[in-house]
N, C-alpha and C. Protein backbone atom coordinates (compact mmCIF):
# COMPACT_ATOMS: atom_id res chain seq x y z
N ILE A 1 -168.80 -188.72 212.57
CA ILE A 1 -168.44 -190.13 212.52
C ILE A 1 -169.63 -190.93 213.02
N ASP A 2 -170.03 -191.90 212.25
CA ASP A 2 -171.20 -192.68 212.65
C ASP A 2 -170.81 -194.06 213.16
N HIS A 3 -171.83 -194.77 213.58
CA HIS A 3 -171.61 -196.10 214.15
C HIS A 3 -170.97 -197.04 213.14
N GLN A 4 -171.26 -196.85 211.86
CA GLN A 4 -170.69 -197.72 210.84
C GLN A 4 -169.16 -197.62 210.82
N GLN A 5 -168.62 -196.41 210.97
CA GLN A 5 -167.17 -196.24 211.00
C GLN A 5 -166.58 -196.86 212.27
N TYR A 6 -167.30 -196.75 213.38
CA TYR A 6 -166.88 -197.39 214.62
C TYR A 6 -166.79 -198.91 214.42
N SER A 7 -167.81 -199.47 213.81
CA SER A 7 -167.82 -200.91 213.54
C SER A 7 -166.69 -201.29 212.59
N TYR A 8 -166.42 -200.43 211.63
CA TYR A 8 -165.33 -200.67 210.69
C TYR A 8 -163.99 -200.67 211.45
N GLY A 9 -163.85 -199.79 212.42
CA GLY A 9 -162.64 -199.76 213.24
C GLY A 9 -162.43 -201.06 214.00
N ILE A 10 -163.50 -201.61 214.55
CA ILE A 10 -163.42 -202.89 215.26
C ILE A 10 -163.06 -204.01 214.28
N SER A 11 -163.64 -203.96 213.09
CA SER A 11 -163.34 -204.97 212.07
C SER A 11 -161.88 -204.91 211.64
N MET A 12 -161.33 -203.71 211.56
CA MET A 12 -159.92 -203.58 211.17
C MET A 12 -159.01 -204.22 212.22
N ASN A 13 -159.37 -204.07 213.49
CA ASN A 13 -158.60 -204.73 214.55
C ASN A 13 -158.66 -206.24 214.36
N ASN A 14 -159.85 -206.77 214.10
CA ASN A 14 -160.01 -208.21 213.94
C ASN A 14 -159.25 -208.73 212.72
N LEU A 15 -159.25 -207.95 211.64
CA LEU A 15 -158.52 -208.33 210.44
C LEU A 15 -157.02 -208.34 210.71
N ALA A 16 -156.52 -207.35 211.41
CA ALA A 16 -155.10 -207.30 211.76
C ALA A 16 -154.72 -208.50 212.62
N LEU A 17 -155.59 -208.87 213.54
CA LEU A 17 -155.33 -210.02 214.40
C LEU A 17 -155.28 -211.31 213.57
N ALA A 18 -156.19 -211.44 212.61
CA ALA A 18 -156.20 -212.62 211.74
C ALA A 18 -154.91 -212.68 210.91
N TYR A 19 -154.48 -211.54 210.41
CA TYR A 19 -153.23 -211.50 209.64
C TYR A 19 -152.05 -211.87 210.52
N SER A 20 -152.06 -211.39 211.74
CA SER A 20 -150.97 -211.69 212.67
C SER A 20 -150.89 -213.18 212.95
N GLU A 21 -152.03 -213.81 213.17
CA GLU A 21 -152.07 -215.23 213.49
C GLU A 21 -151.72 -216.10 212.29
N SER A 22 -152.05 -215.64 211.09
CA SER A 22 -151.80 -216.45 209.89
C SER A 22 -150.43 -216.17 209.27
N GLY A 23 -149.84 -215.03 209.63
CA GLY A 23 -148.53 -214.68 209.07
C GLY A 23 -148.61 -214.02 207.71
N ILE A 24 -149.81 -213.85 207.15
CA ILE A 24 -149.92 -213.19 205.85
C ILE A 24 -150.11 -211.69 206.05
N LYS A 25 -149.67 -210.94 205.10
CA LYS A 25 -149.78 -209.48 205.12
C LYS A 25 -149.27 -208.88 206.43
N PHE A 26 -148.18 -209.45 206.96
CA PHE A 26 -147.66 -209.01 208.26
C PHE A 26 -147.34 -207.52 208.25
N GLY A 27 -146.86 -207.00 207.14
CA GLY A 27 -146.50 -205.60 207.05
C GLY A 27 -147.68 -204.65 207.15
N GLU A 28 -148.89 -205.13 206.93
CA GLU A 28 -150.07 -204.27 206.97
C GLU A 28 -150.72 -204.20 208.36
N ILE A 29 -150.29 -205.05 209.26
CA ILE A 29 -150.92 -205.15 210.58
C ILE A 29 -150.86 -203.82 211.31
N GLU A 30 -149.70 -203.18 211.34
CA GLU A 30 -149.54 -201.92 212.06
C GLU A 30 -150.55 -200.87 211.57
N ASN A 31 -150.67 -200.72 210.25
CA ASN A 31 -151.59 -199.71 209.70
C ASN A 31 -153.04 -200.03 210.04
N TYR A 32 -153.42 -201.31 209.95
CA TYR A 32 -154.79 -201.68 210.30
C TYR A 32 -155.11 -201.34 211.76
N LEU A 33 -154.16 -201.63 212.64
CA LEU A 33 -154.40 -201.37 214.06
C LEU A 33 -154.42 -199.88 214.35
N LEU A 34 -153.54 -199.11 213.73
CA LEU A 34 -153.56 -197.66 213.93
C LEU A 34 -154.85 -197.06 213.38
N ASP A 35 -155.31 -197.56 212.23
CA ASP A 35 -156.60 -197.10 211.68
C ASP A 35 -157.75 -197.48 212.62
N SER A 36 -157.68 -198.67 213.18
CA SER A 36 -158.71 -199.12 214.11
C SER A 36 -158.80 -198.16 215.30
N ILE A 37 -157.66 -197.79 215.86
CA ILE A 37 -157.64 -196.86 217.00
C ILE A 37 -158.28 -195.55 216.62
N LYS A 38 -157.91 -195.02 215.45
CA LYS A 38 -158.45 -193.73 215.01
C LYS A 38 -159.97 -193.79 214.84
N LEU A 39 -160.44 -194.82 214.16
CA LEU A 39 -161.88 -194.92 213.89
C LEU A 39 -162.69 -195.11 215.18
N ILE A 40 -162.21 -195.94 216.06
CA ILE A 40 -162.94 -196.17 217.32
C ILE A 40 -162.91 -194.92 218.19
N SER A 41 -161.72 -194.30 218.33
CA SER A 41 -161.60 -193.15 219.23
C SER A 41 -162.29 -191.90 218.66
N ASP A 42 -162.40 -191.79 217.34
CA ASP A 42 -163.15 -190.66 216.77
C ASP A 42 -164.62 -190.74 217.14
N TYR A 43 -165.13 -191.97 217.23
CA TYR A 43 -166.54 -192.16 217.56
C TYR A 43 -166.77 -192.17 219.06
N ARG A 44 -165.90 -192.86 219.79
CA ARG A 44 -166.04 -192.97 221.24
C ARG A 44 -164.66 -192.90 221.90
N PRO A 45 -164.20 -191.71 222.23
CA PRO A 45 -162.89 -191.60 222.90
C PRO A 45 -162.92 -192.37 224.23
N ASN A 46 -161.84 -193.05 224.52
CA ASN A 46 -161.68 -193.83 225.76
C ASN A 46 -162.62 -195.02 225.86
N GLU A 47 -163.16 -195.46 224.75
CA GLU A 47 -164.03 -196.63 224.67
C GLU A 47 -163.23 -197.89 225.04
N ILE A 48 -163.84 -198.80 225.79
CA ILE A 48 -163.17 -200.03 226.21
C ILE A 48 -162.67 -200.84 225.01
N MET A 49 -163.35 -200.75 223.88
CA MET A 49 -162.93 -201.50 222.69
C MET A 49 -161.56 -201.04 222.18
N LEU A 50 -161.11 -199.87 222.59
CA LEU A 50 -159.78 -199.42 222.20
C LEU A 50 -158.68 -200.28 222.82
N TYR A 51 -159.03 -200.97 223.89
CA TYR A 51 -158.05 -201.86 224.52
C TYR A 51 -157.46 -202.83 223.50
N TYR A 52 -158.30 -203.40 222.66
CA TYR A 52 -157.85 -204.48 221.77
C TYR A 52 -156.82 -204.02 220.75
N PRO A 53 -157.05 -202.94 219.99
CA PRO A 53 -155.98 -202.55 219.06
C PRO A 53 -154.72 -202.06 219.79
N TYR A 54 -154.88 -201.41 220.94
CA TYR A 54 -153.68 -201.02 221.70
C TYR A 54 -152.90 -202.25 222.15
N TYR A 55 -153.59 -203.23 222.70
CA TYR A 55 -152.95 -204.47 223.15
C TYR A 55 -152.30 -205.19 221.97
N ASN A 56 -153.03 -205.29 220.87
CA ASN A 56 -152.50 -205.98 219.69
C ASN A 56 -151.29 -205.26 219.11
N LEU A 57 -151.30 -203.93 219.14
CA LEU A 57 -150.12 -203.17 218.69
C LEU A 57 -148.94 -203.42 219.62
N GLY A 58 -149.21 -203.50 220.91
CA GLY A 58 -148.14 -203.82 221.86
C GLY A 58 -147.50 -205.15 221.52
N ASN A 59 -148.32 -206.14 221.21
CA ASN A 59 -147.79 -207.46 220.83
C ASN A 59 -147.08 -207.41 219.48
N TYR A 60 -147.65 -206.65 218.53
CA TYR A 60 -147.03 -206.53 217.21
C TYR A 60 -145.62 -205.93 217.34
N TYR A 61 -145.51 -204.84 218.09
CA TYR A 61 -144.19 -204.20 218.23
C TYR A 61 -143.21 -205.11 218.98
N ALA A 62 -143.69 -205.88 219.93
CA ALA A 62 -142.81 -206.84 220.61
C ALA A 62 -142.30 -207.88 219.62
N SER A 63 -143.17 -208.30 218.70
CA SER A 63 -142.78 -209.33 217.73
C SER A 63 -141.72 -208.85 216.75
N ILE A 64 -141.64 -207.53 216.56
CA ILE A 64 -140.59 -206.99 215.67
C ILE A 64 -139.47 -206.32 216.50
N ASN A 65 -139.45 -206.62 217.79
CA ASN A 65 -138.41 -206.15 218.72
C ASN A 65 -138.34 -204.64 218.88
N ASP A 66 -139.48 -203.98 218.74
CA ASP A 66 -139.54 -202.55 219.05
C ASP A 66 -140.14 -202.45 220.45
N ILE A 67 -139.31 -202.69 221.44
CA ILE A 67 -139.77 -202.80 222.82
C ILE A 67 -140.31 -201.47 223.33
N LYS A 68 -139.70 -200.37 222.93
CA LYS A 68 -140.17 -199.05 223.38
C LYS A 68 -141.62 -198.83 222.95
N LYS A 69 -141.93 -199.09 221.68
CA LYS A 69 -143.31 -198.92 221.20
C LYS A 69 -144.24 -199.96 221.82
N SER A 70 -143.73 -201.17 222.01
CA SER A 70 -144.54 -202.21 222.62
C SER A 70 -144.99 -201.77 224.01
N LYS A 71 -144.05 -201.26 224.80
CA LYS A 71 -144.39 -200.78 226.15
C LYS A 71 -145.41 -199.65 226.07
N GLU A 72 -145.20 -198.74 225.15
CA GLU A 72 -146.10 -197.58 225.00
C GLU A 72 -147.54 -198.03 224.75
N PHE A 73 -147.72 -198.98 223.85
CA PHE A 73 -149.09 -199.39 223.51
C PHE A 73 -149.71 -200.31 224.57
N HIS A 74 -148.89 -201.10 225.24
CA HIS A 74 -149.45 -201.88 226.35
C HIS A 74 -149.88 -200.95 227.49
N LEU A 75 -149.12 -199.89 227.73
CA LEU A 75 -149.53 -198.91 228.76
C LEU A 75 -150.83 -198.21 228.37
N LYS A 76 -150.98 -197.89 227.09
CA LYS A 76 -152.23 -197.28 226.62
C LYS A 76 -153.41 -198.24 226.81
N ALA A 77 -153.17 -199.53 226.56
CA ALA A 77 -154.22 -200.54 226.77
C ALA A 77 -154.64 -200.58 228.24
N ILE A 78 -153.65 -200.52 229.13
CA ILE A 78 -153.94 -200.53 230.57
C ILE A 78 -154.73 -199.29 230.96
N GLU A 79 -154.34 -198.13 230.44
CA GLU A 79 -155.05 -196.88 230.76
C GLU A 79 -156.51 -196.94 230.32
N ILE A 80 -156.77 -197.51 229.15
CA ILE A 80 -158.15 -197.63 228.67
C ILE A 80 -158.97 -198.52 229.61
N VAL A 81 -158.39 -199.63 230.04
CA VAL A 81 -159.12 -200.51 230.96
C VAL A 81 -159.37 -199.78 232.28
N GLU A 82 -158.37 -199.08 232.78
CA GLU A 82 -158.53 -198.36 234.05
C GLU A 82 -159.61 -197.30 233.95
N LEU A 83 -159.76 -196.67 232.79
CA LEU A 83 -160.83 -195.68 232.60
C LEU A 83 -162.21 -196.34 232.57
N ASN A 84 -162.25 -197.61 232.23
CA ASN A 84 -163.51 -198.35 232.09
C ASN A 84 -163.51 -199.56 233.02
N ILE A 85 -162.95 -199.40 234.20
CA ILE A 85 -162.65 -200.52 235.09
C ILE A 85 -163.88 -201.36 235.45
N SER A 86 -165.04 -200.76 235.49
CA SER A 86 -166.24 -201.52 235.86
C SER A 86 -166.67 -202.49 234.75
N GLN A 87 -166.21 -202.27 233.53
CA GLN A 87 -166.66 -203.12 232.42
C GLN A 87 -165.96 -204.47 232.39
N ASP A 88 -164.63 -204.49 232.49
CA ASP A 88 -163.91 -205.77 232.47
C ASP A 88 -162.49 -205.58 233.01
N PRO A 89 -162.33 -205.58 234.33
CA PRO A 89 -161.00 -205.38 234.89
C PRO A 89 -160.02 -206.50 234.52
N GLY A 90 -160.53 -207.66 234.16
CA GLY A 90 -159.68 -208.78 233.78
C GLY A 90 -158.83 -208.51 232.56
N LEU A 91 -159.25 -207.54 231.74
CA LEU A 91 -158.46 -207.20 230.55
C LEU A 91 -157.08 -206.67 230.93
N LEU A 92 -156.94 -206.15 232.14
CA LEU A 92 -155.64 -205.61 232.57
C LEU A 92 -154.54 -206.66 232.57
N ILE A 93 -154.90 -207.87 232.88
CA ILE A 93 -153.91 -208.91 233.13
C ILE A 93 -152.96 -209.09 231.94
N SER A 94 -153.48 -209.25 230.74
CA SER A 94 -152.63 -209.55 229.58
C SER A 94 -151.58 -208.48 229.33
N SER A 95 -151.99 -207.22 229.33
CA SER A 95 -151.02 -206.15 229.09
C SER A 95 -150.04 -206.01 230.24
N ILE A 96 -150.52 -206.16 231.45
CA ILE A 96 -149.61 -206.07 232.60
C ILE A 96 -148.59 -207.21 232.56
N LEU A 97 -149.03 -208.42 232.25
CA LEU A 97 -148.09 -209.54 232.18
C LEU A 97 -147.07 -209.34 231.06
N ALA A 98 -147.51 -208.80 229.93
CA ALA A 98 -146.57 -208.54 228.83
C ALA A 98 -145.50 -207.54 229.27
N LEU A 99 -145.93 -206.47 229.93
CA LEU A 99 -144.98 -205.45 230.39
C LEU A 99 -144.06 -205.99 231.48
N VAL A 100 -144.61 -206.78 232.39
CA VAL A 100 -143.79 -207.37 233.46
C VAL A 100 -142.69 -208.23 232.84
N GLN A 101 -143.03 -209.03 231.84
CA GLN A 101 -142.03 -209.88 231.20
C GLN A 101 -140.92 -209.04 230.55
N MET A 102 -141.30 -207.95 229.92
CA MET A 102 -140.29 -207.06 229.31
C MET A 102 -139.37 -206.47 230.38
N HIS A 103 -139.96 -206.04 231.49
CA HIS A 103 -139.16 -205.46 232.57
C HIS A 103 -138.28 -206.52 233.23
N LEU A 104 -138.77 -207.73 233.38
CA LEU A 104 -137.95 -208.81 233.94
C LEU A 104 -136.77 -209.10 233.01
N TYR A 105 -137.02 -209.12 231.72
CA TYR A 105 -135.96 -209.36 230.75
C TYR A 105 -134.87 -208.28 230.85
N GLU A 106 -135.30 -207.05 231.11
CA GLU A 106 -134.36 -205.93 231.26
C GLU A 106 -133.79 -205.84 232.67
N ASN A 107 -134.20 -206.75 233.55
CA ASN A 107 -133.81 -206.76 234.96
C ASN A 107 -134.26 -205.48 235.68
N ASN A 108 -135.38 -204.91 235.25
CA ASN A 108 -135.96 -203.73 235.87
C ASN A 108 -137.04 -204.21 236.85
N LEU A 109 -136.58 -204.68 238.00
CA LEU A 109 -137.48 -205.31 238.97
C LEU A 109 -138.43 -204.31 239.62
N ILE A 110 -138.02 -203.07 239.73
CA ILE A 110 -138.88 -202.06 240.36
C ILE A 110 -140.10 -201.81 239.48
N GLU A 111 -139.89 -201.60 238.19
CA GLU A 111 -141.03 -201.37 237.29
C GLU A 111 -141.94 -202.60 237.24
N ALA A 112 -141.32 -203.79 237.20
CA ALA A 112 -142.11 -205.03 237.17
C ALA A 112 -142.97 -205.13 238.43
N SER A 113 -142.38 -204.82 239.59
CA SER A 113 -143.13 -204.86 240.86
C SER A 113 -144.25 -203.83 240.88
N ASN A 114 -143.97 -202.64 240.37
CA ASN A 114 -144.99 -201.60 240.34
C ASN A 114 -146.20 -202.01 239.50
N LEU A 115 -145.96 -202.70 238.40
CA LEU A 115 -147.07 -203.16 237.56
C LEU A 115 -147.90 -204.22 238.28
N ILE A 116 -147.23 -205.11 238.98
CA ILE A 116 -147.97 -206.14 239.74
C ILE A 116 -148.82 -205.46 240.82
N LYS A 117 -148.25 -204.48 241.52
CA LYS A 117 -149.01 -203.76 242.55
C LYS A 117 -150.20 -203.04 241.95
N ARG A 118 -150.00 -202.48 240.76
CA ARG A 118 -151.09 -201.77 240.08
C ARG A 118 -152.27 -202.71 239.85
N ALA A 119 -151.97 -203.91 239.40
CA ALA A 119 -153.04 -204.89 239.17
C ALA A 119 -153.65 -205.36 240.49
N GLU A 120 -152.81 -205.61 241.49
CA GLU A 120 -153.32 -206.07 242.79
C GLU A 120 -154.23 -205.03 243.42
N ASN A 121 -153.90 -203.76 243.28
CA ASN A 121 -154.75 -202.69 243.84
C ASN A 121 -156.13 -202.71 243.20
N ILE A 122 -156.19 -202.98 241.93
CA ILE A 122 -157.48 -203.00 241.24
C ILE A 122 -158.28 -204.23 241.63
N PHE A 123 -157.61 -205.37 241.77
CA PHE A 123 -158.31 -206.61 242.08
C PHE A 123 -158.54 -206.84 243.56
N SER A 124 -158.02 -205.96 244.42
CA SER A 124 -158.15 -206.19 245.86
C SER A 124 -159.61 -206.21 246.33
N ASN A 125 -160.47 -205.50 245.64
CA ASN A 125 -161.89 -205.48 246.02
C ASN A 125 -162.72 -206.43 245.17
N ASP A 126 -162.05 -207.33 244.49
CA ASP A 126 -162.72 -208.22 243.57
C ASP A 126 -162.38 -209.66 243.94
N ASN A 127 -163.09 -210.58 243.39
CA ASN A 127 -162.78 -211.98 243.66
C ASN A 127 -161.69 -212.43 242.69
N ALA A 128 -160.48 -211.98 242.94
CA ALA A 128 -159.37 -212.17 242.00
C ALA A 128 -159.04 -213.63 241.76
N ILE A 129 -159.25 -214.47 242.76
CA ILE A 129 -158.88 -215.87 242.59
C ILE A 129 -159.67 -216.50 241.45
N GLU A 130 -160.88 -216.05 241.23
CA GLU A 130 -161.70 -216.60 240.15
C GLU A 130 -161.40 -215.96 238.80
N ARG A 131 -160.67 -214.87 238.80
CA ARG A 131 -160.39 -214.17 237.56
C ARG A 131 -159.39 -214.92 236.70
N LYS A 132 -159.69 -214.95 235.41
CA LYS A 132 -158.74 -215.53 234.47
C LYS A 132 -157.46 -214.70 234.52
N GLY A 133 -156.36 -215.35 234.61
CA GLY A 133 -155.08 -214.64 234.63
C GLY A 133 -154.50 -214.40 236.00
N TYR A 134 -155.27 -214.67 237.06
CA TYR A 134 -154.75 -214.43 238.40
C TYR A 134 -153.48 -215.24 238.64
N ALA A 135 -153.49 -216.51 238.25
CA ALA A 135 -152.30 -217.34 238.46
C ALA A 135 -151.11 -216.76 237.71
N GLY A 136 -151.33 -216.30 236.49
CA GLY A 136 -150.24 -215.68 235.73
C GLY A 136 -149.67 -214.47 236.42
N LEU A 137 -150.54 -213.69 237.02
CA LEU A 137 -150.10 -212.50 237.76
C LEU A 137 -149.24 -212.91 238.96
N MET A 138 -149.68 -213.93 239.68
CA MET A 138 -148.94 -214.38 240.85
C MET A 138 -147.63 -215.08 240.46
N ILE A 139 -147.65 -215.82 239.36
CA ILE A 139 -146.41 -216.44 238.86
C ILE A 139 -145.39 -215.36 238.54
N SER A 140 -145.85 -214.29 237.90
CA SER A 140 -144.94 -213.18 237.58
C SER A 140 -144.41 -212.50 238.85
N LYS A 141 -145.27 -212.37 239.85
CA LYS A 141 -144.84 -211.80 241.12
C LYS A 141 -143.75 -212.68 241.75
N ALA A 142 -143.94 -213.99 241.68
CA ALA A 142 -142.94 -214.92 242.21
C ALA A 142 -141.63 -214.82 241.42
N LYS A 143 -141.72 -214.63 240.11
CA LYS A 143 -140.51 -214.48 239.29
C LYS A 143 -139.72 -213.23 239.69
N ILE A 144 -140.43 -212.18 240.06
CA ILE A 144 -139.76 -210.96 240.52
C ILE A 144 -139.01 -211.25 241.82
N HIS A 145 -139.66 -211.97 242.74
CA HIS A 145 -138.98 -212.33 244.00
C HIS A 145 -137.78 -213.23 243.72
N TYR A 146 -137.94 -214.17 242.79
CA TYR A 146 -136.83 -215.06 242.44
C TYR A 146 -135.65 -214.24 241.90
N ALA A 147 -135.94 -213.33 240.97
CA ALA A 147 -134.89 -212.52 240.36
C ALA A 147 -134.18 -211.63 241.38
N SER A 148 -134.90 -211.23 242.43
CA SER A 148 -134.30 -210.38 243.46
C SER A 148 -133.70 -211.18 244.61
N GLY A 149 -133.69 -212.52 244.47
CA GLY A 149 -133.09 -213.37 245.48
C GLY A 149 -133.98 -213.67 246.68
N GLN A 150 -135.25 -213.30 246.61
CA GLN A 150 -136.19 -213.53 247.70
C GLN A 150 -136.94 -214.83 247.44
N HIS A 151 -136.21 -215.94 247.52
CA HIS A 151 -136.75 -217.25 247.13
C HIS A 151 -137.86 -217.73 248.05
N ASN A 152 -137.75 -217.47 249.35
CA ASN A 152 -138.81 -217.91 250.26
C ASN A 152 -140.12 -217.19 249.99
N LYS A 153 -140.04 -215.90 249.62
CA LYS A 153 -141.27 -215.17 249.25
C LYS A 153 -141.88 -215.76 247.99
N ALA A 154 -141.02 -216.12 247.03
CA ALA A 154 -141.52 -216.74 245.80
C ALA A 154 -142.22 -218.06 246.11
N ILE A 155 -141.63 -218.85 247.00
CA ILE A 155 -142.23 -220.13 247.39
C ILE A 155 -143.58 -219.92 248.06
N GLU A 156 -143.68 -218.91 248.94
CA GLU A 156 -144.95 -218.60 249.61
C GLU A 156 -146.05 -218.26 248.62
N ILE A 157 -145.69 -217.64 247.51
CA ILE A 157 -146.67 -217.28 246.48
C ILE A 157 -147.03 -218.50 245.64
N LEU A 158 -146.03 -219.29 245.28
CA LEU A 158 -146.24 -220.39 244.33
C LEU A 158 -146.96 -221.60 244.93
N GLU A 159 -146.65 -221.97 246.17
CA GLU A 159 -147.24 -223.19 246.74
C GLU A 159 -148.77 -223.19 246.72
N PRO A 160 -149.43 -222.10 247.14
CA PRO A 160 -150.91 -222.13 247.09
C PRO A 160 -151.48 -222.14 245.66
N LEU A 161 -150.67 -221.72 244.70
CA LEU A 161 -151.16 -221.68 243.32
C LEU A 161 -151.38 -223.06 242.72
N ILE A 162 -150.73 -224.06 243.28
CA ILE A 162 -150.87 -225.42 242.73
C ILE A 162 -152.34 -225.83 242.69
N THR A 163 -153.08 -225.49 243.74
CA THR A 163 -154.51 -225.87 243.78
C THR A 163 -155.37 -224.98 242.89
N LEU A 164 -154.84 -223.84 242.47
CA LEU A 164 -155.62 -222.92 241.64
C LEU A 164 -155.32 -223.04 240.15
N ALA A 165 -154.30 -223.80 239.78
CA ALA A 165 -153.91 -223.91 238.38
C ALA A 165 -155.09 -224.42 237.56
N LYS A 166 -155.35 -223.76 236.44
CA LYS A 166 -156.50 -224.11 235.62
C LYS A 166 -156.13 -224.98 234.42
N THR A 167 -154.84 -225.01 234.06
CA THR A 167 -154.41 -225.82 232.92
C THR A 167 -153.16 -226.60 233.30
N ASN A 168 -152.87 -227.64 232.53
CA ASN A 168 -151.65 -228.41 232.76
C ASN A 168 -150.41 -227.55 232.55
N ARG A 169 -150.48 -226.66 231.57
CA ARG A 169 -149.35 -225.76 231.29
C ARG A 169 -149.08 -224.87 232.50
N GLU A 170 -150.14 -224.31 233.05
CA GLU A 170 -150.00 -223.46 234.23
C GLU A 170 -149.40 -224.24 235.39
N MET A 171 -149.87 -225.46 235.58
CA MET A 171 -149.36 -226.32 236.66
C MET A 171 -147.87 -226.59 236.46
N LEU A 172 -147.48 -226.88 235.22
CA LEU A 172 -146.07 -227.16 234.94
C LEU A 172 -145.19 -225.95 235.23
N ILE A 173 -145.65 -224.77 234.86
CA ILE A 173 -144.89 -223.54 235.13
C ILE A 173 -144.74 -223.33 236.63
N ILE A 174 -145.83 -223.50 237.37
CA ILE A 174 -145.79 -223.31 238.82
C ILE A 174 -144.80 -224.29 239.46
N LYS A 175 -144.91 -225.56 239.09
CA LYS A 175 -144.03 -226.56 239.69
C LYS A 175 -142.57 -226.35 239.29
N THR A 176 -142.32 -225.98 238.06
CA THR A 176 -140.95 -225.71 237.62
C THR A 176 -140.37 -224.53 238.38
N ASP A 177 -141.16 -223.48 238.52
CA ASP A 177 -140.69 -222.30 239.28
C ASP A 177 -140.45 -222.65 240.74
N LEU A 178 -141.32 -223.50 241.30
CA LEU A 178 -141.12 -223.95 242.68
C LEU A 178 -139.80 -224.71 242.81
N LEU A 179 -139.53 -225.60 241.87
CA LEU A 179 -138.28 -226.37 241.91
C LEU A 179 -137.07 -225.44 241.89
N GLU A 180 -137.10 -224.42 241.05
CA GLU A 180 -135.99 -223.47 240.98
C GLU A 180 -135.78 -222.77 242.32
N ASN A 181 -136.88 -222.42 242.96
CA ASN A 181 -136.78 -221.73 244.25
C ASN A 181 -136.35 -222.67 245.37
N TYR A 182 -136.84 -223.92 245.35
CA TYR A 182 -136.38 -224.90 246.34
C TYR A 182 -134.88 -225.12 246.18
N LEU A 183 -134.43 -225.24 244.94
CA LEU A 183 -133.02 -225.45 244.67
C LEU A 183 -132.18 -224.27 245.16
N ALA A 184 -132.68 -223.06 244.92
CA ALA A 184 -131.96 -221.86 245.34
C ALA A 184 -131.87 -221.74 246.86
N THR A 185 -132.83 -222.34 247.57
CA THR A 185 -132.81 -222.28 249.04
C THR A 185 -132.23 -223.56 249.64
N HIS A 186 -131.64 -224.38 248.79
CA HIS A 186 -130.97 -225.62 249.21
C HIS A 186 -131.91 -226.62 249.86
N GLN A 187 -133.16 -226.61 249.46
CA GLN A 187 -134.14 -227.57 249.97
C GLN A 187 -134.15 -228.78 249.03
N TYR A 188 -133.05 -229.53 249.03
CA TYR A 188 -132.85 -230.60 248.06
C TYR A 188 -133.86 -231.73 248.20
N ASP A 189 -134.32 -231.98 249.43
CA ASP A 189 -135.32 -233.03 249.62
C ASP A 189 -136.62 -232.67 248.91
N LEU A 190 -136.98 -231.40 248.95
CA LEU A 190 -138.19 -230.95 248.25
C LEU A 190 -137.98 -230.97 246.74
N VAL A 191 -136.78 -230.65 246.29
CA VAL A 191 -136.49 -230.67 244.85
C VAL A 191 -136.70 -232.09 244.34
N ALA A 192 -136.18 -233.08 245.05
CA ALA A 192 -136.31 -234.45 244.62
C ALA A 192 -137.77 -234.92 244.64
N SER A 193 -138.49 -234.66 245.72
CA SER A 193 -139.88 -235.13 245.81
C SER A 193 -140.79 -234.41 244.83
N LYS A 194 -140.62 -233.11 244.66
CA LYS A 194 -141.47 -232.35 243.73
C LYS A 194 -141.14 -232.69 242.28
N ALA A 195 -139.86 -232.96 241.99
CA ALA A 195 -139.48 -233.32 240.63
C ALA A 195 -140.16 -234.61 240.22
N LEU A 196 -140.33 -235.53 241.15
CA LEU A 196 -141.02 -236.79 240.84
C LEU A 196 -142.49 -236.56 240.54
N GLU A 197 -143.10 -235.52 241.13
CA GLU A 197 -144.52 -235.22 240.87
C GLU A 197 -144.74 -234.68 239.47
N ILE A 198 -143.74 -234.01 238.93
CA ILE A 198 -143.87 -233.41 237.60
C ILE A 198 -143.85 -234.51 236.58
């Protein structure tokens, strides 16, 4: 297998992603991504570029409600990043957040917590606050606390995130989640004042 086939594998991933975003040839996406994995891994097993077709397959299967396969491919994406952790640890965030959301939907708080811990362990020696996706990771951690009735812990996580929010959307999510937790802890004065800020 030569470099040309490796490049072709990367191109197949990009083509599948374009089809996914445009909605055309939706039925061919799975085959393109599976071919991409084969071509890339035949040339370079455990290559960081394998993250992308694994991640995209995880999203594809979620979009057709095949949650079991979605989880499987998101886990494979995480494993590839962990094998190549020095190259781009930030890639972990997207797959971990996707899996956390699935586990939250299933009310599997233990698995969701374990995934958050997995990411925190990797980022503990890194400047995680500057990493893209850190706020999303912490928002998900707060959602786990909210779902388990630990509203004060969720508030402790969410309040400092207000200053770290990078987009208006992120800020809105943080403030909305804070309002839900204030309401759950009967802090009605904070609910009223924070609602006015939104």
